[in-house]
Protein backbone atom coordinates (compact mmCIF):
# COMPACT_ATOMS: atom_id res chain seq x y z
CA MET A 1 72.15 103.17 38.87
CA ILE A 2 71.55 106.02 37.59
CA SER A 3 69.52 106.15 34.35
CA LYS A 4 69.42 108.90 31.48
CA GLU A 5 65.89 110.05 32.65
CA ASP A 6 67.45 110.66 35.86
CA ILE A 7 70.84 112.37 34.46
CA GLU A 8 68.72 114.59 31.89
CA ARG A 9 66.44 115.89 34.41
CA ILE A 10 68.91 116.98 36.81
CA ASN A 11 70.16 118.81 34.04
CA ILE A 12 66.63 120.25 33.46
CA LEU A 13 66.48 121.15 37.06
CA TYR A 14 70.07 123.17 37.25
CA LYS A 15 69.13 125.25 33.59
CA LYS A 16 65.59 126.05 35.51
CA SER A 17 67.42 126.94 38.92
CA LYS A 18 69.82 129.54 36.85
CA GLU A 19 66.66 130.87 35.51
CA VAL A 20 64.26 130.92 38.27
CA ILE A 21 63.68 129.69 42.28
CA LEU A 22 62.85 126.38 41.78
CA SER A 23 59.63 125.00 43.98
CA GLU A 24 60.35 122.84 47.38
CA GLU A 25 59.13 119.82 45.53
CA GLU A 26 62.11 120.53 42.53
CA ALA A 27 64.22 121.33 45.26
CA GLU A 28 64.09 118.11 46.73
CA GLU A 29 63.62 115.93 43.44
CA GLN A 30 66.86 117.92 42.58
CA LYS A 31 68.59 117.11 46.09
CA ARG A 32 67.77 113.35 45.90
CA LEU A 33 68.63 113.31 42.05
CA ARG A 34 72.05 114.46 42.75
CA LYS A 35 72.59 112.17 45.54
CA LYS A 36 71.77 109.36 43.63
CA TYR A 37 74.34 110.20 41.12
CA ILE A 38 77.37 110.54 43.46
CA GLU A 39 76.91 107.66 45.19
CA TRP A 40 76.46 106.04 41.20
CA ILE A 41 79.54 107.19 41.09
CA LYS A 42 81.46 106.46 43.83
CA MET A 43 80.36 103.29 43.05
CA GLN A 44 81.77 102.90 39.75
CA VAL A 45 85.08 104.40 41.28
CA ARG A 46 85.25 101.46 44.00
CA SER A 47 84.37 99.10 41.07
CA GLN A 48 87.42 100.38 39.07
CA LEU A 49 89.44 100.07 41.93
CA GLU A 50 88.44 96.65 42.95
CA VAL A 51 89.36 95.39 40.01
CA HIS A 52 92.71 97.12 39.01
CA VAL A 53 93.90 96.01 43.04
CA SER A 54 92.78 92.61 42.01
CA ASN A 55 94.97 92.91 38.80
CA ASP A 56 98.02 93.63 40.68
CA LYS A 57 97.90 91.05 42.92
CA ASN A 58 98.45 88.72 39.86
């Protein structure tokens, strides 16, 4: 699960990266949070597809 705070931090780091070069720690944090967000999106899509396929079988 990704929290609202995680999404806010992703946005903050993105905006900062457009202004200055992120520190190594910030770049790693950004990478980790983006990966977490993408995995969460994949999970949501899979869940919706499973519900859709299940409803089609009934």
